[in-house]
Amino acid sequence: MAAKLGPDGLIRELCKGFELLMDNKKGLITLESLKRNAPRLGLERLGEDELIEMVREGDLDGDNALDQYEFCILMIRMSPQLMESSQRLFDFLQM
């Protein structure tokens, strides 16, 4: 997917995913917004404990929520195919 989309396209798709899951008032993905919006991404079968762990795993600053940067890092880490191209993506973001 990353190779097909290219760095710009991948970033756009990750941003769209973030916007689908975030709490519009806070601009963050919270446990509540994740539970409410998870069915949009086929995550309705995940239990609350699994959703809590997903937020916890991606939460780099300890605020119990994911900002856009944390979400993108988490999505790249969770996908082996994206991991292969993560160095190119990292290089692109550093420009």
PDB file of N, CA and C in Angstrom:
ATOM      1  N   MET A   1       0.813  -1.183   0.000  1.00  0.00           N
ATOM      2  CA  MET A   1       0.000   0.000   0.000  1.00  0.00           C
ATOM      3  C   MET A   1       0.860   1.251   0.000  1.00  0.00           C
ATOM      4  N   ALA A   2       1.899   1.280   0.844  1.00  0.00           N
ATOM      5  CA  ALA A   2       2.756   2.456   0.945  1.00  0.00           C
ATOM      6  C   ALA A   2       3.447   2.746  -0.382  1.00  0.00           C
ATOM      7  N   ALA A   3       3.924   1.691  -1.031  1.00  0.00           N
ATOM      8  CA  ALA A   3       4.604   1.884  -2.306  1.00  0.00           C
ATOM      9  C   ALA A   3       3.636   2.398  -3.370  1.00  0.00           C
ATOM     10  N   LYS A   4       2.436   1.887  -3.352  1.00  0.00           N
ATOM     11  CA  LYS A   4       1.424   2.296  -4.332  1.00  0.00           C
ATOM     12  C   LYS A   4       1.016   3.751  -4.136  1.00  0.00           C
ATOM     13  N   LEU A   5       0.841   4.163  -2.889  1.00  0.00           N
ATOM     14  CA  LEU A   5       0.397   5.524  -2.583  1.00  0.00           C
ATOM     15  C   LEU A   5       1.525   6.544  -2.651  1.00  0.00           C
ATOM     16  N   GLY A   6       2.733   6.116  -2.359  1.00  0.00           N
ATOM     17  CA  GLY A   6       3.837   7.048  -2.248  1.00  0.00           C
ATOM     18  C   GLY A   6       3.757   7.777  -0.914  1.00  0.00           C
ATOM     19  N   PRO A   7       4.825   8.474  -0.543  1.00  0.00           N
ATOM     20  CA  PRO A   7       4.838   9.160   0.755  1.00  0.00           C
ATOM     21  C   PRO A   7       3.693  10.159   0.937  1.00  0.00           C
ATOM     22  N   ASP A   8       3.430  10.976  -0.069  1.00  0.00           N
ATOM     23  CA  ASP A   8       2.350  11.968   0.047  1.00  0.00           C
ATOM     24  C   ASP A   8       0.994  11.294   0.212  1.00  0.00           C
ATOM     25  N   GLY A   9       0.728  10.290  -0.595  1.00  0.00           N
ATOM     26  CA  GLY A   9      -0.549   9.592  -0.527  1.00  0.00           C
ATOM     27  C   GLY A   9      -0.729   8.843   0.776  1.00  0.00           C
ATOM     28  N   LEU A  10       0.339   8.250   1.273  1.00  0.00           N
ATOM     29  CA  LEU A  10       0.278   7.529   2.542  1.00  0.00           C
ATOM     30  C   LEU A  10      -0.054   8.490   3.683  1.00  0.00           C
ATOM     31  N   ILE A  11       0.607   9.623   3.701  1.00  0.00           N
ATOM     32  CA  ILE A  11       0.339  10.612   4.749  1.00  0.00           C
ATOM     33  C   ILE A  11      -1.113  11.072   4.665  1.00  0.00           C
ATOM     34  N   ARG A  12      -1.613  11.330   3.467  1.00  0.00           N
ATOM     35  CA  ARG A  12      -3.013  11.751   3.304  1.00  0.00           C
ATOM     36  C   ARG A  12      -3.970  10.693   3.840  1.00  0.00           C
ATOM     37  N   GLU A  13      -3.719   9.418   3.531  1.00  0.00           N
ATOM     38  CA  GLU A  13      -4.591   8.342   3.998  1.00  0.00           C
ATOM     39  C   GLU A  13      -4.533   8.190   5.517  1.00  0.00           C
ATOM     40  N   LEU A  14      -3.355   8.307   6.086  1.00  0.00           N
ATOM     41  CA  LEU A  14      -3.238   8.233   7.542  1.00  0.00           C
ATOM     42  C   LEU A  14      -3.977   9.405   8.193  1.00  0.00           C
ATOM     43  N   CYS A  15      -3.867  10.580   7.606  1.00  0.00           N
ATOM     44  CA  CYS A  15      -4.578  11.750   8.137  1.00  0.00           C
ATOM     45  C   CYS A  15      -6.097  11.551   8.059  1.00  0.00           C
ATOM     46  N   LYS A  16      -6.564  10.959   6.985  1.00  0.00           N
ATOM     47  CA  LYS A  16      -7.997  10.681   6.862  1.00  0.00           C
ATOM     48  C   LYS A  16      -8.447   9.698   7.940  1.00  0.00           C
ATOM     49  N   GLY A  17      -7.645   8.675   8.180  1.00  0.00           N
ATOM     50  CA  GLY A  17      -7.965   7.703   9.223  1.00  0.00           C
ATOM     51  C   GLY A  17      -8.018   8.363  10.590  1.00  0.00           C
ATOM     52  N   PHE A  18      -7.067   9.244  10.850  1.00  0.00           N
ATOM     53  CA  PHE A  18      -7.057   9.968  12.122  1.00  0.00           C
ATOM     54  C   PHE A  18      -8.331  10.789  12.275  1.00  0.00           C
ATOM     55  N   GLU A  19      -8.703  11.504  11.221  1.00  0.00           N
ATOM     56  CA  GLU A  19      -9.888  12.358  11.272  1.00  0.00           C
ATOM     57  C   GLU A  19     -11.167  11.550  11.477  1.00  0.00           C
ATOM     58  N   LEU A  20     -11.212  10.335  10.951  1.00  0.00           N
ATOM     59  CA  LEU A  20     -12.388   9.476  11.155  1.00  0.00           C
ATOM     60  C   LEU A  20     -12.546   9.046  12.612  1.00  0.00           C
ATOM     61  N   LEU A  21     -11.428   8.890  13.308  1.00  0.00           N
ATOM     62  CA  LEU A  21     -11.462   8.349  14.661  1.00  0.00           C
ATOM     63  C   LEU A  21     -11.388   9.400  15.760  1.00  0.00           C
ATOM     64  N   MET A  22     -11.002  10.618  15.426  1.00  0.00           N
ATOM     65  CA  MET A  22     -10.758  11.612  16.477  1.00  0.00           C
ATOM     66  C   MET A  22     -12.038  12.216  17.040  1.00  0.00           C
ATOM     67  N   ASP A  23     -11.903  12.741  18.233  1.00  0.00           N
ATOM     68  CA  ASP A  23     -12.939  13.544  18.870  1.00  0.00           C
ATOM     69  C   ASP A  23     -12.816  14.935  18.269  1.00  0.00           C
ATOM     70  N   ASN A  24     -13.840  15.384  17.569  1.00  0.00           N
ATOM     71  CA  ASN A  24     -13.757  16.661  16.861  1.00  0.00           C
ATOM     72  C   ASN A  24     -13.533  17.853  17.776  1.00  0.00           C
ATOM     73  N   LYS A  25     -14.009  17.787  18.993  1.00  0.00           N
ATOM     74  CA  LYS A  25     -13.829  18.901  19.928  1.00  0.00           C
ATOM     75  C   LYS A  25     -12.415  18.958  20.474  1.00  0.00           C
ATOM     76  N   LYS A  26     -11.811  17.801  20.712  1.00  0.00           N
ATOM     77  CA  LYS A  26     -10.478  17.746  21.307  1.00  0.00           C
ATOM     78  C   LYS A  26      -9.371  17.676  20.259  1.00  0.00           C
ATOM     79  N   GLY A  27      -9.704  17.219  19.043  1.00  0.00           N
ATOM     80  CA  GLY A  27      -8.690  17.053  18.010  1.00  0.00           C
ATOM     81  C   GLY A  27      -7.750  15.896  18.291  1.00  0.00           C
ATOM     82  N   LEU A  28      -8.203  14.953  19.110  1.00  0.00           N
ATOM     83  CA  LEU A  28      -7.412  13.790  19.511  1.00  0.00           C
ATOM     84  C   LEU A  28      -8.266  12.536  19.407  1.00  0.00           C
ATOM     85  N   ILE A  29      -7.612  11.399  19.294  1.00  0.00           N
ATOM     86  CA  ILE A  29      -8.319  10.129  19.409  1.00  0.00           C
ATOM     87  C   ILE A  29      -8.299   9.754  20.878  1.00  0.00           C
ATOM     88  N   THR A  30      -9.478   9.724  21.474  1.00  0.00           N
ATOM     89  CA  THR A  30      -9.632   9.316  22.870  1.00  0.00           C
ATOM     90  C   THR A  30     -10.245   7.926  22.885  1.00  0.00           C
ATOM     91  N   LEU A  31     -10.256   7.300  24.038  1.00  0.00           N
ATOM     92  CA  LEU A  31     -10.900   5.994  24.144  1.00  0.00           C
ATOM     93  C   LEU A  31     -12.358   6.102  23.715  1.00  0.00           C
ATOM     94  N   GLU A  32     -13.032   7.146  24.146  1.00  0.00           N
ATOM     95  CA  GLU A  32     -14.439   7.330  23.809  1.00  0.00           C
ATOM     96  C   GLU A  32     -14.648   7.505  22.305  1.00  0.00           C
ATOM     97  N   SER A  33     -13.803   8.321  21.671  1.00  0.00           N
ATOM     98  CA  SER A  33     -13.966   8.521  20.221  1.00  0.00           C
ATOM     99  C   SER A  33     -13.609   7.257  19.453  1.00  0.00           C
ATOM    100  N   LEU A  34     -12.640   6.504  19.957  1.00  0.00           N
ATOM    101  CA  LEU A  34     -12.263   5.252  19.312  1.00  0.00           C
ATOM    102  C   LEU A  34     -13.404   4.243  19.404  1.00  0.00           C
ATOM    103  N   LYS A  35     -14.019   4.125  20.578  1.00  0.00           N
ATOM    104  CA  LYS A  35     -15.161   3.209  20.738  1.00  0.00           C
ATOM    105  C   LYS A  35     -16.314   3.622  19.823  1.00  0.00           C
ATOM    106  N   ARG A  36     -16.582   4.904  19.750  1.00  0.00           N
ATOM    107  CA  ARG A  36     -17.700   5.411  18.954  1.00  0.00           C
ATOM    108  C   ARG A  36     -17.467   5.216  17.449  1.00  0.00           C
ATOM    109  N   ASN A  37     -16.236   5.377  17.001  1.00  0.00           N
ATOM    110  CA  ASN A  37     -15.945   5.373  15.565  1.00  0.00           C
ATOM    111  C   ASN A  37     -15.283   4.098  15.057  1.00  0.00           C
ATOM    112  N   ALA A  38     -14.943   3.177  15.933  1.00  0.00           N
ATOM    113  CA  ALA A  38     -14.260   1.946  15.527  1.00  0.00           C
ATOM    114  C   ALA A  38     -15.006   1.155  14.449  1.00  0.00           C
ATOM    115  N   PRO A  39     -16.344   1.077  14.491  1.00  0.00           N
ATOM    116  CA  PRO A  39     -17.035   0.321  13.440  1.00  0.00           C
ATOM    117  C   PRO A  39     -16.770   0.845  12.029  1.00  0.00           C
ATOM    118  N   ARG A  40     -16.451   2.104  11.898  1.00  0.00           N
ATOM    119  CA  ARG A  40     -16.136   2.667  10.576  1.00  0.00           C
ATOM    120  C   ARG A  40     -14.939   1.993   9.937  1.00  0.00           C
ATOM    121  N   LEU A  41     -14.035   1.476  10.790  1.00  0.00           N
ATOM    122  CA  LEU A  41     -12.818   0.836  10.292  1.00  0.00           C
ATOM    123  C   LEU A  41     -12.807  -0.664  10.519  1.00  0.00           C
ATOM    124  N   GLY A  42     -13.967  -1.219  10.842  1.00  0.00           N
ATOM    125  CA  GLY A  42     -14.066  -2.655  11.045  1.00  0.00           C
ATOM    126  C   GLY A  42     -13.492  -3.137  12.364  1.00  0.00           C
ATOM    127  N   LEU A  43     -13.416  -2.263  13.342  1.00  0.00           N
ATOM    128  CA  LEU A  43     -12.845  -2.614  14.638  1.00  0.00           C
ATOM    129  C   LEU A  43     -13.903  -2.887  15.699  1.00  0.00           C
ATOM    130  N   GLU A  44     -15.148  -3.072  15.274  1.00  0.00           N
ATOM    131  CA  GLU A  44     -16.239  -3.235  16.231  1.00  0.00           C
ATOM    132  C   GLU A  44     -16.106  -4.481  17.101  1.00  0.00           C
ATOM    133  N   ARG A  45     -15.326  -5.446  16.670  1.00  0.00           N
ATOM    134  CA  ARG A  45     -15.166  -6.675  17.455  1.00  0.00           C
ATOM    135  C   ARG A  45     -14.152  -6.535  18.592  1.00  0.00           C
ATOM    136  N   LEU A  46     -13.417  -5.441  18.577  1.00  0.00           N
ATOM    137  CA  LEU A  46     -12.435  -5.252  19.639  1.00  0.00           C
ATOM    138  C   LEU A  46     -13.132  -4.850  20.925  1.00  0.00           C
ATOM    139  N   GLY A  47     -12.723  -5.457  22.007  1.00  0.00           N
ATOM    140  CA  GLY A  47     -13.272  -5.115  23.313  1.00  0.00           C
ATOM    141  C   GLY A  47     -12.654  -3.838  23.856  1.00  0.00           C
ATOM    142  N   GLU A  48     -13.249  -3.331  24.918  1.00  0.00           N
ATOM    143  CA  GLU A  48     -12.740  -2.088  25.507  1.00  0.00           C
ATOM    144  C   GLU A  48     -11.288  -2.232  25.951  1.00  0.00           C
ATOM    145  N   ASP A  49     -10.918  -3.379  26.513  1.00  0.00           N
ATOM    146  CA  ASP A  49      -9.541  -3.591  26.945  1.00  0.00           C
ATOM    147  C   ASP A  49      -8.568  -3.486  25.774  1.00  0.00           C
ATOM    148  N   GLU A  50      -8.961  -4.023  24.626  1.00  0.00           N
ATOM    149  CA  GLU A  50      -8.104  -3.960  23.440  1.00  0.00           C
ATOM    150  C   GLU A  50      -7.997  -2.530  22.913  1.00  0.00           C
ATOM    151  N   LEU A  51      -9.084  -1.783  22.977  1.00  0.00           N
ATOM    152  CA  LEU A  51      -9.045  -0.387  22.542  1.00  0.00           C
ATOM    153  C   LEU A  51      -8.194   0.456  23.490  1.00  0.00           C
ATOM    154  N   ILE A  52      -8.309   0.180  24.786  1.00  0.00           N
ATOM    155  CA  ILE A  52      -7.472   0.871  25.763  1.00  0.00           C
ATOM    156  C   ILE A  52      -6.005   0.594  25.472  1.00  0.00           C
ATOM    157  N   GLU A  53      -5.690  -0.660  25.191  1.00  0.00           N
ATOM    158  CA  GLU A  53      -4.304  -1.030  24.894  1.00  0.00           C
ATOM    159  C   GLU A  53      -3.815  -0.352  23.612  1.00  0.00           C
ATOM    160  N   MET A  54      -4.693  -0.229  22.625  1.00  0.00           N
ATOM    161  CA  MET A  54      -4.317   0.435  21.377  1.00  0.00           C
ATOM    162  C   MET A  54      -3.934   1.895  21.654  1.00  0.00           C
ATOM    163  N   VAL A  55      -4.754   2.577  22.446  1.00  0.00           N
ATOM    164  CA  VAL A  55      -4.440   3.971  22.787  1.00  0.00           C
ATOM    165  C   VAL A  55      -3.152   4.017  23.603  1.00  0.00           C
ATOM    166  N   ARG A  56      -3.047   3.142  24.584  1.00  0.00           N
ATOM    167  CA  ARG A  56      -1.862   3.119  25.452  1.00  0.00           C
ATOM    168  C   ARG A  56      -0.588   2.867  24.642  1.00  0.00           C
ATOM    169  N   GLU A  57      -0.668   1.948  23.693  1.00  0.00           N
ATOM    170  CA  GLU A  57       0.518   1.610  22.898  1.00  0.00           C
ATOM    171  C   GLU A  57       0.999   2.786  22.051  1.00  0.00           C
ATOM    172  N   GLY A  58       0.067   3.582  21.552  1.00  0.00           N
ATOM    173  CA  GLY A  58       0.450   4.695  20.700  1.00  0.00           C
ATOM    174  C   GLY A  58       0.691   6.003  21.430  1.00  0.00           C
ATOM    175  N   ASP A  59       0.297   6.082  22.698  1.00  0.00           N
ATOM    176  CA  ASP A  59       0.360   7.319  23.467  1.00  0.00           C
ATOM    177  C   ASP A  59       1.788   7.600  23.914  1.00  0.00           C
ATOM    178  N   LEU A  60       2.466   8.487  23.222  1.00  0.00           N
ATOM    179  CA  LEU A  60       3.864   8.780  23.526  1.00  0.00           C
ATOM    180  C   LEU A  60       4.025   9.835  24.614  1.00  0.00           C
ATOM    181  N   ASP A  61       3.039  10.721  24.767  1.00  0.00           N
ATOM    182  CA  ASP A  61       3.186  11.808  25.734  1.00  0.00           C
ATOM    183  C   ASP A  61       2.409  11.591  27.025  1.00  0.00           C
ATOM    184  N   GLY A  62       1.743  10.437  27.170  1.00  0.00           N
ATOM    185  CA  GLY A  62       1.091  10.086  28.414  1.00  0.00           C
ATOM    186  C   GLY A  62      -0.211  10.802  28.713  1.00  0.00           C
ATOM    187  N   ASP A  63      -0.882  11.343  27.690  1.00  0.00           N
ATOM    188  CA  ASP A  63      -2.138  12.063  27.930  1.00  0.00           C
ATOM    189  C   ASP A  63      -3.378  11.194  27.723  1.00  0.00           C
ATOM    190  N   ASN A  64      -3.185   9.887  27.554  1.00  0.00           N
ATOM    191  CA  ASN A  64      -4.287   8.927  27.351  1.00  0.00           C
ATOM    192  C   ASN A  64      -5.103   9.222  26.101  1.00  0.00           C
ATOM    193  N   ALA A  65      -4.469   9.767  25.099  1.00  0.00           N
ATOM    194  CA  ALA A  65      -5.106  10.056  23.814  1.00  0.00           C
ATOM    195  C   ALA A  65      -4.020  10.034  22.746  1.00  0.00           C
ATOM    196  N   LEU A  66      -4.449   9.978  21.490  1.00  0.00           N
ATOM    197  CA  LEU A  66      -3.498   9.992  20.379  1.00  0.00           C
ATOM    198  C   LEU A  66      -3.664  11.261  19.574  1.00  0.00           C
ATOM    199  N   ASP A  67      -2.568  11.988  19.403  1.00  0.00           N
ATOM    200  CA  ASP A  67      -2.611  13.095  18.454  1.00  0.00           C
ATOM    201  C   ASP A  67      -2.289  12.523  17.073  1.00  0.00           C
ATOM    202  N   GLN A  68      -2.310  13.357  16.078  1.00  0.00           N
ATOM    203  CA  GLN A  68      -2.126  12.863  14.714  1.00  0.00           C
ATOM    204  C   GLN A  68      -0.763  12.198  14.529  1.00  0.00           C
ATOM    205  N   TYR A  69       0.259  12.781  15.088  1.00  0.00           N
ATOM    206  CA  TYR A  69       1.610  12.232  14.984  1.00  0.00           C
ATOM    207  C   TYR A  69       1.682  10.840  15.625  1.00  0.00           C
ATOM    208  N   GLU A  70       1.152  10.711  16.848  1.00  0.00           N
ATOM    209  CA  GLU A  70       1.161   9.423  17.540  1.00  0.00           C
ATOM    210  C   GLU A  70       0.377   8.375  16.764  1.00  0.00           C
ATOM    211  N   PHE A  71      -0.761   8.776  16.193  1.00  0.00           N
ATOM    212  CA  PHE A  71      -1.577   7.854  15.410  1.00  0.00           C
ATOM    213  C   PHE A  71      -0.807   7.350  14.191  1.00  0.00           C
ATOM    214  N   CYS A  72      -0.148   8.244  13.483  1.00  0.00           N
ATOM    215  CA  CYS A  72       0.606   7.835  12.288  1.00  0.00           C
ATOM    216  C   CYS A  72       1.731   6.877  12.651  1.00  0.00           C
ATOM    217  N   ILE A  73       2.437   7.159  13.717  1.00  0.00           N
ATOM    218  CA  ILE A  73       3.507   6.260  14.159  1.00  0.00           C
ATOM    219  C   ILE A  73       2.936   4.896  14.518  1.00  0.00           C
ATOM    220  N   LEU A  74       1.826   4.871  15.240  1.00  0.00           N
ATOM    221  CA  LEU A  74       1.200   3.610  15.627  1.00  0.00           C
ATOM    222  C   LEU A  74       0.781   2.806  14.400  1.00  0.00           C
ATOM    223  N   MET A  75       0.171   3.444  13.431  1.00  0.00           N
ATOM    224  CA  MET A  75      -0.284   2.741  12.229  1.00  0.00           C
ATOM    225  C   MET A  75       0.890   2.162  11.452  1.00  0.00           C
ATOM    226  N   ILE A  76       1.981   2.884  11.390  1.00  0.00           N
ATOM    227  CA  ILE A  76       3.163   2.381  10.688  1.00  0.00           C
ATOM    228  C   ILE A  76       3.752   1.199  11.446  1.00  0.00           C
ATOM    229  N   ARG A  77       3.805   1.297  12.772  1.00  0.00           N
ATOM    230  CA  ARG A  77       4.343   0.197  13.585  1.00  0.00           C
ATOM    231  C   ARG A  77       3.480  -1.049  13.504  1.00  0.00           C
ATOM    232  N   MET A  78       2.170  -0.889  13.373  1.00  0.00           N
ATOM    233  CA  MET A  78       1.257  -2.037  13.365  1.00  0.00           C
ATOM    234  C   MET A  78       1.220  -2.762  12.025  1.00  0.00           C
ATOM    235  N   SER A  79       1.775  -2.180  10.996  1.00  0.00           N
ATOM    236  CA  SER A  79       1.726  -2.787   9.673  1.00  0.00           C
ATOM    237  C   SER A  79       3.124  -3.191   9.221  1.00  0.00           C
ATOM    238  N   PRO A  80       3.396  -4.481   9.103  1.00  0.00           N
ATOM    239  CA  PRO A  80       4.718  -4.922   8.643  1.00  0.00           C
ATOM    240  C   PRO A  80       5.091  -4.341   7.279  1.00  0.00           C
ATOM    241  N   GLN A  81       4.125  -4.211   6.395  1.00  0.00           N
ATOM    242  CA  GLN A  81       4.418  -3.660   5.078  1.00  0.00           C
ATOM    243  C   GLN A  81       4.792  -2.189   5.167  1.00  0.00           C
ATOM    244  N   LEU A  82       4.133  -1.470   6.065  1.00  0.00           N
ATOM    245  CA  LEU A  82       4.488  -0.070   6.241  1.00  0.00           C
ATOM    246  C   LEU A  82       5.839   0.063   6.922  1.00  0.00           C
ATOM    247  N   MET A  83       6.184  -0.884   7.781  1.00  0.00           N
ATOM    248  CA  MET A  83       7.484  -0.835   8.448  1.00  0.00           C
ATOM    249  C   MET A  83       8.607  -0.891   7.428  1.00  0.00           C
ATOM    250  N   GLU A  84       8.424  -1.655   6.369  1.00  0.00           N
ATOM    251  CA  GLU A  84       9.457  -1.774   5.344  1.00  0.00           C
ATOM    252  C   GLU A  84       9.749  -0.440   4.684  1.00  0.00           C
ATOM    253  N   SER A  85       8.727   0.398   4.550  1.00  0.00           N
ATOM    254  CA  SER A  85       8.934   1.683   3.893  1.00  0.00           C
ATOM    255  C   SER A  85       8.997   2.842   4.878  1.00  0.00           C
ATOM    256  N   SER A  86       9.069   2.548   6.174  1.00  0.00           N
ATOM    257  CA  SER A  86       9.024   3.607   7.177  1.00  0.00           C
ATOM    258  C   SER A  86      10.243   4.514   7.110  1.00  0.00           C
ATOM    259  N   GLN A  87      11.396   4.008   6.748  1.00  0.00           N
ATOM    260  CA  GLN A  87      12.577   4.855   6.652  1.00  0.00           C
ATOM    261  C   GLN A  87      12.401   5.905   5.565  1.00  0.00           C
ATOM    262  N   ARG A  88      11.837   5.504   4.434  1.00  0.00           N
ATOM    263  CA  ARG A  88      11.590   6.479   3.361  1.00  0.00           C
ATOM    264  C   ARG A  88      10.582   7.515   3.821  1.00  0.00           C
ATOM    265  N   LEU A  89       9.554   7.074   4.537  1.00  0.00           N
ATOM    266  CA  LEU A  89       8.542   7.991   5.051  1.00  0.00           C
ATOM    267  C   LEU A  89       9.167   8.941   6.066  1.00  0.00           C
ATOM    268  N   PHE A  90       9.993   8.415   6.950  1.00  0.00           N
ATOM    269  CA  PHE A  90      10.675   9.243   7.938  1.00  0.00           C
ATOM    270  C   PHE A  90      11.540  10.280   7.242  1.00  0.00           C
ATOM    271  N   ASP A  91      12.296   9.862   6.229  1.00  0.00           N
ATOM    272  CA  ASP A  91      13.135  10.796   5.479  1.00  0.00           C
ATOM    273  C   ASP A  91      12.280  11.883   4.830  1.00  0.00           C
ATOM    274  N   PHE A  92      11.146  11.490   4.285  1.00  0.00           N
ATOM    275  CA  PHE A  92      10.248  12.452   3.655  1.00  0.00           C
ATOM    276  C   PHE A  92       9.748  13.476   4.671  1.00  0.00           C
ATOM    277  N   LEU A  93       9.356  13.012   5.849  1.00  0.00           N
ATOM    278  CA  LEU A  93       8.815  13.914   6.880  1.00  0.00           C
ATOM    279  C   LEU A  93       9.867  14.861   7.426  1.00  0.00           C
ATOM    280  N   GLN A  94      11.134  14.490   7.332  1.00  0.00           N
ATOM    281  CA  GLN A  94      12.206  15.338   7.846  1.00  0.00           C
ATOM    282  C   GLN A  94      12.555  16.468   6.887  1.00  0.00           C
ATOM    283  N   MET A  95      12.049  16.438   5.672  1.00  0.00           N
ATOM    284  CA  MET A  95      12.352  17.490   4.683  1.00  0.00           C
ATOM    285  C   MET A  95      11.766  18.808   5.090  1.00  0.00           C
TER     286      MET A  95
END
